[in-house]
Amino acid sequence: MRLLHLSDLHLGRRLCEADLFEDQKYILDQILQIALFEGVQGVLVAGDVYDKGVPSVGAVNLWDDFLTALCQHRLPVWAISGNHDSADRLAFGGRLLERSGVHLASVFTGRIARFEARDEFGPLTVWALPFVRPAAVRTFLPDETIESYTDAAAALVRAAAPDEGGRNILLAHQFVTAGASVPEASGSELLNLGTLDNVDASAFAPFDYVALGHIHGAQSVGRDSVRYCGSPLAYSVSEALGQKSVTVVEVGPKGQVTAKQVPLSPLHPLRRVQGPLEALLQSAVPSQDYIYARLTDDVPPLEPAARLRSVYPNLVRLEFVLPDAPAADTPALRQLAMRTPRQLFEEFYKGVHGRGPDDEEKAFLDEVLGEEAEG
């Protein structure tokens, strides 16, 4: 079965102050054409359909139009809610949508939702887990020891007990890591990701393919078949250098899964330009692209935004930097932002005391961090 893996549509979102309604409509139309060209037999939407819990009318209409187009082409859809969605609002009309082949697992009911599909290789089970926190899982599984997001996910997988001899796909919207390896995030997620809310990919071991949402850059986590497909558009200036795509997944006989990224071409690409204002103006080719400008002038020039907008009307952000200043989205700074509180505290402690914390101090730190995670 060939499937299209999407996530993080964030319908209704703005890029800085730019309204992205037309951009999102354009990219959803393009995604539909890719689905038809690739001959997919279904669409997986791994959460964050909307950007807000109370989406705008325009955002709701975009989602409605997209689902309607998929249904007109008889493409089944499996979708979950993400941390930006209101699970109850996204679930509206779910029983009616089910009749048209749109399978929603939006509200967490204490278990991983299960849907059955079939292709030339036999049955295929699609499991769907909306964004969930450990406290919600403890309510439904009181006999399980659940102290972390990994514990919660692993307990739900055990309760689901997927037949590991069959073919199983999971949709999930979580911050998934693989041991000490963390996925590469951009500025649009760092404000939303905590450092205690990771799920280790090992919790999803029984699944042949794990369709993830939450991180906006396409990448695998731990193994090739545990994948973030990324967002279809750039939602932060830190994503100016990335290529957006959707993922096409081919699920063959048991144990045979391949995935490929199909690039997207946005209506208004986001580009970053850097240099002195006069140099940028002299080399500029007038464009409707979204522009993130970093000016390196020693002395701030007069009216830089107005002058840049004479050639770049869709200037979305302007900032002044030192000529050799690193961008705010360098891998080193992203890795710093993703360090756990324990790592940061132990580094600070060692810098002050010349040694790491002893066992008693570590135990106290565990207690404090545990209380913070609960909060």
Protein backbone atom coordinates (compact mmCIF):
# COMPACT_ATOMS: atom_id res chain seq x y z
CA MET A 1 0.00 0.00 0.00
CA ARG A 2 1.32 3.40 -0.95
CA LEU A 3 0.52 6.17 1.53
CA LEU A 4 1.11 9.91 1.75
CA HIS A 5 2.44 11.03 5.14
CA LEU A 6 1.64 14.63 6.16
CA SER A 7 1.78 16.56 9.42
CA ASP A 8 1.93 20.02 10.93
CA LEU A 9 -0.31 21.78 8.43
CA HIS A 10 -0.83 24.53 11.03
CA LEU A 11 -3.76 25.93 9.09
CA GLY A 12 -4.41 29.54 10.10
CA ARG A 13 -0.80 30.26 10.99
CA ARG A 14 1.02 33.46 10.08
CA LEU A 15 4.69 33.87 9.19
CA CYS A 16 5.68 36.79 11.38
CA GLU A 17 2.89 39.18 10.29
CA ALA A 18 2.29 37.65 6.86
CA ASP A 19 -1.11 36.02 6.28
CA LEU A 20 -0.47 32.53 4.86
CA PHE A 21 -4.03 31.69 3.75
CA GLU A 22 -3.25 31.74 0.01
CA ASP A 23 0.07 29.96 0.60
CA GLN A 24 -1.64 27.17 2.52
CA LYS A 25 -4.40 26.82 -0.06
CA TYR A 26 -1.77 26.63 -2.81
CA ILE A 27 0.32 24.00 -1.02
CA LEU A 28 -2.70 21.83 -0.15
CA ASP A 29 -3.71 21.86 -3.82
CA GLN A 30 -0.15 20.85 -4.71
CA ILE A 31 -0.19 18.04 -2.14
CA LEU A 32 -3.40 16.71 -3.65
CA GLN A 33 -1.78 16.66 -7.08
CA ILE A 34 1.23 14.82 -5.67
CA ALA A 35 -1.08 12.25 -4.07
CA LEU A 36 -2.77 11.64 -7.42
CA PHE A 37 0.49 11.57 -9.40
CA GLU A 38 2.12 9.15 -6.96
CA GLY A 39 -0.96 6.93 -6.98
CA VAL A 40 -1.25 6.78 -3.21
CA GLN A 41 -4.01 4.68 -1.66
CA GLY A 42 -4.44 6.71 1.49
CA VAL A 43 -3.28 9.76 3.43
CA LEU A 44 -1.82 9.90 6.95
CA VAL A 45 -2.09 13.24 8.79
CA ALA A 46 0.03 13.15 11.96
CA GLY A 47 -1.41 16.06 13.91
CA ASP A 48 -1.38 19.85 14.18
CA VAL A 49 -4.01 20.27 11.50
CA TYR A 50 -4.69 23.73 12.92
CA ASP A 51 -2.37 26.25 14.50
CA LYS A 52 -4.74 27.17 17.31
CA GLY A 53 -7.27 25.42 19.48
CA VAL A 54 -9.93 27.78 18.15
CA PRO A 55 -9.10 27.95 14.42
CA SER A 56 -10.22 30.76 12.16
CA VAL A 57 -13.07 30.32 9.70
CA GLY A 58 -10.54 30.41 6.85
CA ALA A 59 -8.48 27.63 8.44
CA VAL A 60 -11.55 25.43 8.92
CA ASN A 61 -12.56 26.00 5.29
CA LEU A 62 -9.09 24.99 4.09
CA TRP A 63 -9.29 21.70 5.99
CA ASP A 64 -12.84 21.11 4.77
CA ASP A 65 -11.84 21.72 1.15
CA PHE A 66 -8.82 19.44 1.44
CA LEU A 67 -10.77 16.56 2.97
CA THR A 68 -13.55 16.99 0.42
CA ALA A 69 -11.06 16.80 -2.47
CA LEU A 70 -9.43 13.66 -1.03
CA CYS A 71 -12.82 12.03 -0.57
CA GLN A 72 -13.86 12.91 -4.13
CA HIS A 73 -10.85 10.91 -5.29
CA ARG A 74 -11.80 8.07 -2.92
CA LEU A 75 -8.62 8.42 -0.88
CA PRO A 76 -9.07 7.31 2.72
CA VAL A 77 -7.61 9.58 5.40
CA TRP A 78 -6.32 8.71 8.86
CA ALA A 79 -5.74 11.80 11.04
CA ILE A 80 -4.88 12.56 14.66
CA SER A 81 -4.81 15.73 16.73
CA GLY A 82 -1.58 17.46 17.72
CA ASN A 83 -0.66 19.70 20.62
CA HIS A 84 -1.86 22.79 18.71
CA ASP A 85 -5.27 21.32 17.95
CA SER A 86 -8.38 21.31 20.07
CA ALA A 87 -9.07 17.58 20.08
CA ASP A 88 -12.82 18.07 20.58
CA ARG A 89 -13.17 20.62 17.79
CA LEU A 90 -11.14 18.55 15.35
CA ALA A 91 -13.36 15.57 16.17
CA PHE A 92 -16.55 17.42 15.13
CA GLY A 93 -18.49 15.47 12.52
CA GLY A 94 -16.23 12.47 12.95
CA ARG A 95 -18.99 9.86 12.72
CA LEU A 96 -20.26 11.37 9.49
CA LEU A 97 -16.73 11.69 8.09
CA GLU A 98 -16.07 8.04 8.89
CA ARG A 99 -18.67 7.08 6.27
CA SER A 100 -16.64 8.96 3.66
CA GLY A 101 -13.37 7.28 4.59
CA VAL A 102 -12.00 9.97 6.93
CA HIS A 103 -10.90 8.22 10.12
CA LEU A 104 -10.26 10.64 12.99
CA ALA A 105 -8.52 9.76 16.26
CA SER A 106 -8.63 13.18 17.80
CA VAL A 107 -9.82 12.75 21.40
CA PHE A 108 -7.68 10.42 23.52
CA THR A 109 -9.91 7.66 24.89
CA GLY A 110 -7.33 5.75 26.92
CA ARG A 111 -6.12 3.55 24.11
CA ILE A 112 -4.51 3.74 20.69
CA ALA A 113 -7.28 3.85 18.10
CA ARG A 114 -7.25 1.01 15.58
CA PHE A 115 -8.36 1.01 11.94
CA GLU A 116 -8.22 -1.83 9.46
CA ALA A 117 -7.23 -1.56 5.81
CA ARG A 118 -6.38 -4.09 3.13
CA ASP A 119 -4.27 -4.27 -0.02
CA GLU A 120 -2.85 -6.95 -2.29
CA PHE A 121 -0.62 -8.23 0.54
CA GLY A 122 -3.47 -8.68 2.98
CA PRO A 123 -4.61 -6.79 6.09
CA LEU A 124 -2.87 -3.64 7.27
CA THR A 125 -3.61 -2.13 10.69
CA VAL A 126 -3.36 1.63 11.10
CA TRP A 127 -2.97 2.66 14.75
CA ALA A 128 -3.60 6.29 15.69
CA LEU A 129 -2.37 8.00 18.87
CA PRO A 130 -3.24 11.69 19.27
CA PHE A 131 -0.95 13.97 21.26
CA VAL A 132 -1.08 12.79 24.87
CA ARG A 133 0.57 13.54 28.20
CA PRO A 134 1.52 11.00 30.89
CA ALA A 135 -1.12 12.26 33.35
CA ALA A 136 -3.88 11.40 30.86
CA VAL A 137 -2.50 7.89 30.37
CA ARG A 138 -2.23 7.26 34.13
CA THR A 139 -5.95 7.98 34.43
CA PHE A 140 -6.79 5.08 32.11
CA LEU A 141 -3.95 2.71 33.10
CA PRO A 142 -3.68 3.10 36.90
CA ASP A 143 -1.83 -0.20 37.35
CA GLU A 144 1.06 0.90 35.12
CA THR A 145 4.10 2.75 36.44
CA ILE A 146 4.11 5.91 34.34
CA GLU A 147 6.69 8.54 35.23
CA SER A 148 7.64 9.84 31.79
CA TYR A 149 6.37 10.28 28.27
CA THR A 150 8.27 7.14 27.23
CA ASP A 151 6.58 5.16 30.00
CA ALA A 152 3.19 6.43 28.84
CA ALA A 153 3.77 5.54 25.19
CA ALA A 154 5.20 2.11 26.03
CA ALA A 155 2.23 1.33 28.31
CA LEU A 156 -0.24 2.25 25.58
CA VAL A 157 1.59 0.07 23.05
CA ARG A 158 1.56 -2.87 25.47
CA ALA A 159 -2.16 -2.39 26.06
CA ALA A 160 -2.79 -2.25 22.30
CA ALA A 161 -0.79 -5.47 21.82
CA PRO A 162 -0.36 -5.19 18.04
CA ASP A 163 0.10 -8.50 16.24
CA GLU A 164 3.80 -8.34 15.43
CA GLY A 165 3.32 -10.98 12.76
CA GLY A 166 1.05 -8.60 10.85
CA ARG A 167 1.69 -5.22 9.27
CA ASN A 168 1.23 -2.26 11.59
CA ILE A 169 1.50 1.48 11.04
CA LEU A 170 1.33 4.05 13.84
CA LEU A 171 0.46 7.74 13.68
CA ALA A 172 1.80 9.75 16.63
CA HIS A 173 2.37 13.40 17.44
CA GLN A 174 5.14 13.49 20.03
CA PHE A 175 8.72 14.62 20.51
CA VAL A 176 10.49 11.36 19.66
CA THR A 177 14.17 10.76 20.36
CA ALA A 178 16.49 7.78 19.96
CA GLY A 179 18.66 7.40 23.04
CA ALA A 180 20.83 10.49 23.30
CA SER A 181 20.05 11.48 19.71
CA VAL A 182 17.41 14.19 19.31
CA PRO A 183 15.72 15.29 16.08
CA GLU A 184 16.83 18.54 14.52
CA ALA A 185 14.26 21.21 15.36
CA SER A 186 13.78 24.76 14.10
CA GLY A 187 12.69 27.97 15.77
CA SER A 188 9.02 27.25 15.14
CA GLU A 189 9.08 24.23 17.46
CA LEU A 190 11.57 25.23 20.15
CA LEU A 191 8.96 27.37 21.89
CA ASN A 192 6.61 24.40 22.02
CA LEU A 193 8.96 21.52 22.80
CA GLY A 194 9.90 20.86 26.36
CA THR A 195 13.03 19.01 27.39
CA LEU A 196 11.27 16.44 29.57
CA ASP A 197 8.55 15.40 27.15
CA ASN A 198 10.48 13.08 24.84
CA VAL A 199 9.34 9.59 23.87
CA ASP A 200 12.15 7.19 23.07
CA ALA A 201 11.65 5.54 19.68
CA SER A 202 12.11 2.12 21.28
CA ALA A 203 8.56 2.42 22.65
CA PHE A 204 7.31 2.08 19.07
CA ALA A 205 9.33 -1.03 18.20
CA PRO A 206 6.34 -3.25 17.20
CA PHE A 207 5.34 -0.96 14.31
CA ASP A 208 6.57 -1.36 10.74
CA TYR A 209 6.25 2.37 10.09
CA VAL A 210 5.75 5.24 12.52
CA ALA A 211 4.30 8.39 10.92
CA LEU A 212 5.32 11.23 13.21
CA GLY A 213 4.27 14.83 13.54
CA HIS A 214 5.57 17.65 15.78
CA ILE A 215 8.98 18.45 14.25
CA HIS A 216 8.96 20.65 11.14
CA GLY A 217 11.95 19.16 9.32
CA ALA A 218 11.76 15.82 7.48
CA GLN A 219 14.01 13.23 9.15
CA SER A 220 14.12 9.73 10.58
CA VAL A 221 14.59 8.97 14.29
CA GLY A 222 16.54 5.91 15.36
CA ARG A 223 15.53 3.80 12.36
CA ASP A 224 14.53 4.70 8.82
CA SER A 225 10.90 3.67 9.37
CA VAL A 226 10.32 6.06 12.29
CA ARG A 227 9.94 9.36 10.46
CA TYR A 228 8.93 12.97 10.73
CA CYS A 229 7.62 14.18 7.38
CA GLY A 230 7.98 17.85 8.39
CA SER A 231 5.64 20.78 7.82
CA PRO A 232 4.60 21.62 4.24
CA LEU A 233 5.54 25.30 4.62
CA ALA A 234 8.19 27.27 6.50
CA TYR A 235 6.60 28.64 9.66
CA SER A 236 9.68 30.33 11.13
CA VAL A 237 12.51 32.39 9.65
CA SER A 238 14.84 29.68 10.97
CA GLU A 239 13.40 27.41 8.26
CA ALA A 240 14.54 29.71 5.44
CA LEU A 241 17.30 27.35 4.32
CA GLY A 242 15.29 24.14 4.30
CA GLN A 243 13.53 22.26 1.50
CA LYS A 244 9.96 21.34 2.38
CA SER A 245 8.50 18.05 1.24
CA VAL A 246 5.90 15.36 1.81
CA THR A 247 6.73 11.70 2.39
CA VAL A 248 5.44 8.83 0.27
CA VAL A 249 5.54 5.51 2.11
CA GLU A 250 5.44 2.16 0.34
CA VAL A 251 4.31 -0.70 2.62
CA GLY A 252 4.92 -4.04 0.97
CA PRO A 253 4.84 -7.51 2.50
CA LYS A 254 5.70 -7.78 6.18
CA GLY A 255 9.09 -6.17 6.86
CA GLN A 256 9.28 -4.27 3.59
CA VAL A 257 8.79 -0.52 4.02
CA THR A 258 10.37 2.27 1.99
CA ALA A 259 9.90 6.03 2.15
CA LYS A 260 10.82 8.87 -0.16
CA GLN A 261 10.53 12.63 0.12
CA VAL A 262 8.71 14.50 -2.64
CA PRO A 263 9.73 18.20 -2.68
CA LEU A 264 7.15 20.97 -2.48
CA SER A 265 7.24 24.29 -4.32
CA PRO A 266 5.61 27.02 -2.21
CA LEU A 267 3.75 29.98 -3.64
CA HIS A 268 6.16 32.36 -1.89
CA PRO A 269 9.45 30.68 -0.91
CA LEU A 270 11.09 31.95 2.27
CA ARG A 271 14.63 33.23 1.66
CA ARG A 272 17.29 34.72 3.87
CA VAL A 273 19.48 37.57 2.61
CA GLN A 274 22.40 39.04 4.52
CA GLY A 275 24.79 41.92 4.03
CA PRO A 276 24.97 45.74 4.11
CA LEU A 277 21.76 47.40 2.99
CA GLU A 278 23.25 49.11 -0.08
CA ALA A 279 24.81 45.88 -1.28
CA LEU A 280 21.52 44.02 -0.88
CA LEU A 281 19.63 46.71 -2.80
CA GLN A 282 22.15 46.75 -5.65
CA SER A 283 22.09 42.97 -6.11
CA ALA A 284 18.37 42.49 -5.51
CA VAL A 285 16.08 41.08 -8.15
CA PRO A 286 12.50 42.19 -7.36
CA SER A 287 10.64 39.23 -5.94
CA GLN A 288 7.41 38.27 -4.20
CA ASP A 289 9.28 35.73 -2.04
CA TYR A 290 9.09 36.02 1.72
CA ILE A 291 12.36 37.64 2.79
CA TYR A 292 14.24 37.41 6.08
CA ALA A 293 16.88 40.15 5.95
CA ARG A 294 19.94 40.34 8.20
CA LEU A 295 21.73 43.68 7.84
CA THR A 296 25.43 43.89 8.71
CA ASP A 297 25.88 47.67 8.42
CA ASP A 298 28.22 49.22 11.00
CA VAL A 299 25.81 52.15 11.34
CA PRO A 300 22.07 51.43 11.05
CA PRO A 301 20.83 53.08 7.82
CA LEU A 302 17.70 55.18 7.59
CA GLU A 303 14.36 53.48 6.84
CA PRO A 304 15.87 50.07 5.95
CA ALA A 305 12.54 48.21 5.96
CA ALA A 306 10.87 50.66 3.57
CA ARG A 307 13.83 50.59 1.22
CA LEU A 308 13.98 46.79 1.20
CA ARG A 309 10.24 46.56 0.58
CA SER A 310 10.73 48.56 -2.62
CA VAL A 311 12.24 45.37 -4.09
CA TYR A 312 11.00 42.79 -1.58
CA PRO A 313 7.37 43.70 -0.76
CA ASN A 314 7.02 40.51 1.30
CA LEU A 315 9.76 41.34 3.79
CA VAL A 316 8.73 39.40 6.90
CA ARG A 317 11.62 40.11 9.25
CA LEU A 318 14.52 42.54 9.48
CA GLU A 319 17.32 42.45 12.03
CA PHE A 320 20.77 43.92 12.48
CA VAL A 321 23.68 41.58 13.16
CA LEU A 322 27.44 41.74 13.35
CA PRO A 323 29.07 40.76 10.03
CA ASP A 324 30.34 37.43 11.41
CA ALA A 325 27.41 36.71 13.73
CA PRO A 326 26.01 33.16 13.51
CA ALA A 327 22.40 32.71 12.57
CA ALA A 328 19.97 31.97 15.37
CA ASP A 329 19.25 28.59 13.79
CA THR A 330 22.77 27.11 13.80
CA PRO A 331 22.98 23.43 14.78
CA ALA A 332 25.05 24.30 17.88
CA LEU A 333 22.42 26.69 19.21
CA ARG A 334 19.62 24.25 18.40
CA GLN A 335 21.44 21.51 20.30
CA LEU A 336 21.90 23.85 23.27
CA ALA A 337 18.20 24.62 23.28
CA MET A 338 17.38 20.90 23.28
CA ARG A 339 19.59 19.96 26.26
CA THR A 340 17.78 18.57 29.25
CA PRO A 341 17.58 20.49 32.56
CA ARG A 342 19.76 17.77 34.12
CA GLN A 343 22.51 18.28 31.54
CA LEU A 344 22.39 22.06 31.90
CA PHE A 345 22.42 21.93 35.71
CA GLU A 346 25.27 19.42 35.88
CA GLU A 347 27.38 21.54 33.53
CA PHE A 348 26.65 24.64 35.62
CA TYR A 349 27.36 22.80 38.88
CA LYS A 350 30.69 21.51 37.59
CA GLY A 351 31.66 24.99 36.43
CA VAL A 352 30.98 26.42 39.91
CA HIS A 353 32.30 23.61 42.11
CA GLY A 354 34.86 21.95 39.89
CA ARG A 355 33.10 18.59 40.18
CA GLY A 356 29.79 17.02 39.25
CA PRO A 357 26.99 16.53 41.80
CA ASP A 358 27.30 13.55 44.17
CA ASP A 359 24.70 10.81 44.57
CA GLU A 360 22.71 12.66 47.22
CA GLU A 361 22.61 15.81 45.13
CA LYS A 362 21.61 13.81 42.05
CA ALA A 363 18.75 12.22 43.99
CA PHE A 364 17.53 15.65 45.05
CA LEU A 365 17.80 16.86 41.45
CA ASP A 366 15.75 13.86 40.28
CA GLU A 367 13.06 14.75 42.80
CA VAL A 368 12.92 18.38 41.67
CA LEU A 369 12.86 17.48 37.99
CA GLY A 370 10.17 14.89 38.60
CA GLU A 371 7.96 17.52 40.25
CA GLU A 372 8.63 19.88 37.33
CA ALA A 373 7.60 17.21 34.81
CA GLU A 374 4.36 16.63 36.71
CA GLY A 375 3.63 20.35 36.67
